[in-house]
N, C-alpha and C. Protein backbone atom coordinates (compact mmCIF):
# COMPACT_ATOMS: atom_id res chain seq x y z
N MET A 1 100.07 101.68 101.22
CA MET A 1 100.75 102.77 100.56
C MET A 1 100.12 103.00 99.20
N LYS A 2 100.09 104.24 98.82
CA LYS A 2 99.56 104.61 97.51
C LYS A 2 100.68 105.24 96.69
N GLU A 3 100.53 105.21 95.39
CA GLU A 3 101.55 105.81 94.53
C GLU A 3 101.75 107.27 94.87
N SER A 4 100.68 107.96 95.24
CA SER A 4 100.80 109.38 95.56
C SER A 4 101.67 109.62 96.80
N ASP A 5 101.86 108.60 97.64
CA ASP A 5 102.72 108.74 98.82
C ASP A 5 104.17 108.96 98.46
N TYR A 6 104.57 108.50 97.29
CA TYR A 6 105.97 108.62 96.90
C TYR A 6 106.16 109.14 95.48
N ALA A 7 105.10 109.64 94.86
CA ALA A 7 105.17 110.11 93.48
C ALA A 7 106.11 111.30 93.32
N HIS A 8 106.32 112.06 94.37
CA HIS A 8 107.17 113.24 94.30
C HIS A 8 108.66 112.91 94.45
N GLU A 9 108.97 111.65 94.72
CA GLU A 9 110.35 111.25 94.92
C GLU A 9 110.93 110.60 93.67
N TYR A 10 112.18 110.92 93.40
CA TYR A 10 112.88 110.32 92.28
C TYR A 10 113.96 109.41 92.84
N VAL A 11 113.99 108.18 92.39
CA VAL A 11 114.96 107.23 92.90
C VAL A 11 115.77 106.67 91.73
N LEU A 12 117.06 106.72 91.86
CA LEU A 12 117.96 106.17 90.86
C LEU A 12 118.38 104.78 91.32
N ILE A 13 118.19 103.80 90.47
CA ILE A 13 118.60 102.42 90.79
C ILE A 13 119.97 102.18 90.17
N TRP A 14 120.94 101.87 91.01
CA TRP A 14 122.27 101.56 90.50
C TRP A 14 122.21 100.28 89.67
N PRO A 15 123.02 100.18 88.62
CA PRO A 15 123.01 98.99 87.76
C PRO A 15 123.18 97.68 88.54
N ASP A 16 124.02 97.69 89.59
CA ASP A 16 124.24 96.48 90.38
C ASP A 16 122.98 96.02 91.11
N ASN A 17 122.03 96.94 91.29
CA ASN A 17 120.81 96.64 92.05
C ASN A 17 119.57 96.46 91.17
N GLU A 18 119.72 96.59 89.86
CA GLU A 18 118.56 96.54 88.98
C GLU A 18 117.81 95.21 89.06
N LEU A 19 118.51 94.10 89.07
CA LEU A 19 117.85 92.80 89.12
C LEU A 19 117.10 92.63 90.44
N ALA A 20 117.76 92.97 91.55
CA ALA A 20 117.12 92.84 92.86
C ALA A 20 115.87 93.71 92.93
N TYR A 21 115.96 94.93 92.43
CA TYR A 21 114.79 95.81 92.44
C TYR A 21 113.67 95.25 91.56
N ALA A 22 114.03 94.76 90.39
CA ALA A 22 113.02 94.22 89.48
C ALA A 22 112.32 93.01 90.10
N VAL A 23 113.08 92.12 90.72
CA VAL A 23 112.48 90.94 91.34
C VAL A 23 111.63 91.35 92.53
N PHE A 24 112.13 92.23 93.38
CA PHE A 24 111.38 92.70 94.54
C PHE A 24 110.06 93.33 94.09
N SER A 25 110.11 94.14 93.07
CA SER A 25 108.89 94.78 92.54
C SER A 25 107.92 93.74 92.00
N ARG A 26 108.45 92.75 91.32
CA ARG A 26 107.62 91.69 90.73
C ARG A 26 106.89 90.90 91.81
N LEU A 27 107.47 90.85 93.00
CA LEU A 27 106.90 90.07 94.11
C LEU A 27 105.97 90.90 94.99
N SER A 28 105.53 92.04 94.50
CA SER A 28 104.75 92.96 95.33
C SER A 28 103.43 92.37 95.83
N THR A 29 102.96 91.30 95.21
CA THR A 29 101.71 90.67 95.66
C THR A 29 101.97 89.49 96.59
N GLN A 30 103.22 89.27 96.98
CA GLN A 30 103.58 88.08 97.75
C GLN A 30 103.87 88.38 99.22
N TRP A 31 103.26 89.42 99.76
CA TRP A 31 103.45 89.76 101.17
C TRP A 31 102.53 88.91 102.04
N ARG A 32 103.08 88.40 103.12
CA ARG A 32 102.27 87.72 104.14
C ARG A 32 101.79 88.80 105.09
N VAL A 33 100.51 88.71 105.45
CA VAL A 33 99.90 89.72 106.31
C VAL A 33 99.21 89.02 107.47
N GLY A 34 99.50 89.51 108.67
CA GLY A 34 98.86 88.99 109.87
C GLY A 34 97.92 90.03 110.45
N ALA A 35 97.44 89.78 111.63
CA ALA A 35 96.49 90.70 112.28
C ALA A 35 97.12 92.07 112.51
N GLY A 36 98.44 92.12 112.68
CA GLY A 36 99.12 93.39 112.92
C GLY A 36 99.65 94.05 111.66
N GLY A 37 99.38 93.47 110.50
CA GLY A 37 99.86 94.03 109.25
C GLY A 37 100.86 93.11 108.57
N PRO A 38 101.62 93.63 107.62
CA PRO A 38 102.59 92.81 106.87
C PRO A 38 103.65 92.21 107.80
N THR A 39 103.97 90.95 107.55
CA THR A 39 104.98 90.26 108.36
C THR A 39 106.22 89.90 107.55
N GLY A 40 106.13 89.97 106.24
CA GLY A 40 107.27 89.65 105.39
C GLY A 40 106.80 89.02 104.09
N LEU A 41 107.75 88.78 103.23
CA LEU A 41 107.44 88.14 101.95
C LEU A 41 107.23 86.64 102.14
N ASP A 42 106.45 86.07 101.28
CA ASP A 42 106.25 84.62 101.24
C ASP A 42 107.47 84.03 100.53
N TYR A 43 108.38 83.46 101.33
CA TYR A 43 109.64 82.97 100.75
C TYR A 43 109.43 81.81 99.78
N THR A 44 108.37 81.05 99.95
CA THR A 44 108.08 79.99 98.98
C THR A 44 107.87 80.60 97.60
N ALA A 45 107.12 81.67 97.54
CA ALA A 45 106.87 82.35 96.27
C ALA A 45 108.14 83.03 95.75
N VAL A 46 108.90 83.64 96.66
CA VAL A 46 110.14 84.31 96.27
C VAL A 46 111.09 83.31 95.62
N LEU A 47 111.31 82.19 96.31
CA LEU A 47 112.25 81.20 95.79
C LEU A 47 111.74 80.53 94.52
N ALA A 48 110.43 80.32 94.43
CA ALA A 48 109.87 79.73 93.20
C ALA A 48 110.11 80.67 92.02
N TYR A 49 109.88 81.96 92.23
CA TYR A 49 110.12 82.91 91.14
C TYR A 49 111.61 82.97 90.79
N MET A 50 112.45 82.98 91.81
CA MET A 50 113.88 83.06 91.55
C MET A 50 114.38 81.85 90.75
N ARG A 51 113.78 80.68 90.97
CA ARG A 51 114.18 79.49 90.20
C ARG A 51 113.93 79.70 88.71
N THR A 52 112.90 80.47 88.37
CA THR A 52 112.61 80.70 86.95
C THR A 52 113.69 81.53 86.27
N LEU A 53 114.48 82.23 87.08
CA LEU A 53 115.55 83.06 86.53
C LEU A 53 116.79 82.26 86.15
N ARG A 54 116.88 81.05 86.70
CA ARG A 54 118.00 80.13 86.41
C ARG A 54 119.36 80.78 86.58
N LEU A 55 119.53 81.41 87.73
CA LEU A 55 120.79 82.08 88.03
C LEU A 55 121.79 81.09 88.61
N PRO A 56 123.07 81.35 88.43
CA PRO A 56 124.07 80.53 89.13
C PRO A 56 123.85 80.66 90.64
N ARG A 57 124.19 79.63 91.39
CA ARG A 57 123.91 79.57 92.84
C ARG A 57 124.41 80.80 93.59
N GLU A 58 125.63 81.21 93.32
CA GLU A 58 126.20 82.37 94.02
C GLU A 58 125.39 83.64 93.75
N GLN A 59 125.00 83.84 92.51
CA GLN A 59 124.22 85.02 92.15
C GLN A 59 122.83 84.94 92.78
N ALA A 60 122.23 83.75 92.81
CA ALA A 60 120.91 83.58 93.42
C ALA A 60 120.97 83.86 94.92
N ASP A 61 122.02 83.39 95.58
CA ASP A 61 122.18 83.65 97.01
C ASP A 61 122.30 85.15 97.28
N GLU A 62 123.08 85.83 96.45
CA GLU A 62 123.25 87.28 96.61
C GLU A 62 121.93 88.01 96.36
N LEU A 63 121.20 87.59 95.33
CA LEU A 63 119.91 88.19 95.02
C LEU A 63 118.94 88.00 96.18
N PHE A 64 118.88 86.81 96.75
CA PHE A 64 117.98 86.55 97.87
C PHE A 64 118.35 87.43 99.06
N SER A 65 119.62 87.59 99.33
CA SER A 65 120.06 88.47 100.41
C SER A 65 119.64 89.92 100.15
N ASP A 66 119.78 90.37 98.91
CA ASP A 66 119.37 91.73 98.55
C ASP A 66 117.87 91.91 98.74
N ILE A 67 117.10 90.91 98.36
CA ILE A 67 115.64 90.97 98.52
C ILE A 67 115.28 91.04 100.01
N GLN A 68 115.98 90.26 100.83
CA GLN A 68 115.73 90.30 102.27
C GLN A 68 116.06 91.68 102.86
N THR A 69 117.09 92.32 102.34
CA THR A 69 117.43 93.66 102.80
C THR A 69 116.31 94.64 102.45
N MET A 70 115.80 94.56 101.23
CA MET A 70 114.70 95.44 100.82
C MET A 70 113.44 95.12 101.60
N GLU A 71 113.20 93.84 101.86
CA GLU A 71 112.04 93.42 102.65
C GLU A 71 112.09 94.05 104.04
N ALA A 72 113.25 93.98 104.69
CA ALA A 72 113.39 94.54 106.04
C ALA A 72 113.12 96.04 106.05
N GLU A 73 113.65 96.74 105.06
CA GLU A 73 113.43 98.18 104.99
C GLU A 73 111.97 98.50 104.68
N ALA A 74 111.37 97.73 103.79
CA ALA A 74 109.95 97.94 103.47
C ALA A 74 109.09 97.73 104.71
N LEU A 75 109.38 96.70 105.48
CA LEU A 75 108.63 96.45 106.72
C LEU A 75 108.77 97.62 107.68
N ALA A 76 109.99 98.15 107.80
CA ALA A 76 110.23 99.30 108.69
C ALA A 76 109.43 100.52 108.23
N VAL A 77 109.42 100.77 106.93
CA VAL A 77 108.67 101.91 106.40
C VAL A 77 107.17 101.71 106.60
N MET A 78 106.68 100.49 106.36
CA MET A 78 105.26 100.23 106.55
C MET A 78 104.87 100.36 108.02
N ALA A 79 105.74 99.92 108.93
CA ALA A 79 105.45 100.04 110.36
C ALA A 79 105.43 101.51 110.77
N GLU A 80 106.34 102.29 110.21
CA GLU A 80 106.38 103.72 110.49
C GLU A 80 105.08 104.38 110.03
N GLY A 81 104.61 103.99 108.85
CA GLY A 81 103.36 104.53 108.32
C GLY A 81 102.17 104.14 109.19
N ALA A 82 102.19 102.93 109.70
CA ALA A 82 101.10 102.47 110.56
C ALA A 82 101.11 103.23 111.88
N ASP A 83 102.31 103.54 112.40
CA ASP A 83 102.41 104.30 113.64
C ASP A 83 101.88 105.72 113.46
N LYS A 84 102.16 106.32 112.32
CA LYS A 84 101.67 107.67 112.04
C LYS A 84 100.16 107.72 111.89
N ALA A 85 99.58 106.60 111.42
CA ALA A 85 98.14 106.54 111.19
C ALA A 85 97.36 106.42 112.51
N LYS A 86 98.05 106.04 113.57
CA LYS A 86 97.37 105.86 114.86
C LYS A 86 97.04 107.18 115.52
């Protein structure tokens, strides 16, 4: 994906989602890629980064769940883009 693919879109991040979005964005270089394309985030890297945030356990669990939700949607969008490219 290139910035120009979504430069025309405006997205508002709700305050409750700002941390999850910031962490997900920060992890943009931590995708595992196989022969068929992206397979998901490297959870070792995700959890290592999250430890640096020193969040209470409940908040960390919620953040990890939010990141997994964004990961699943990102994978779906990337797969859709790959299908269109064929």
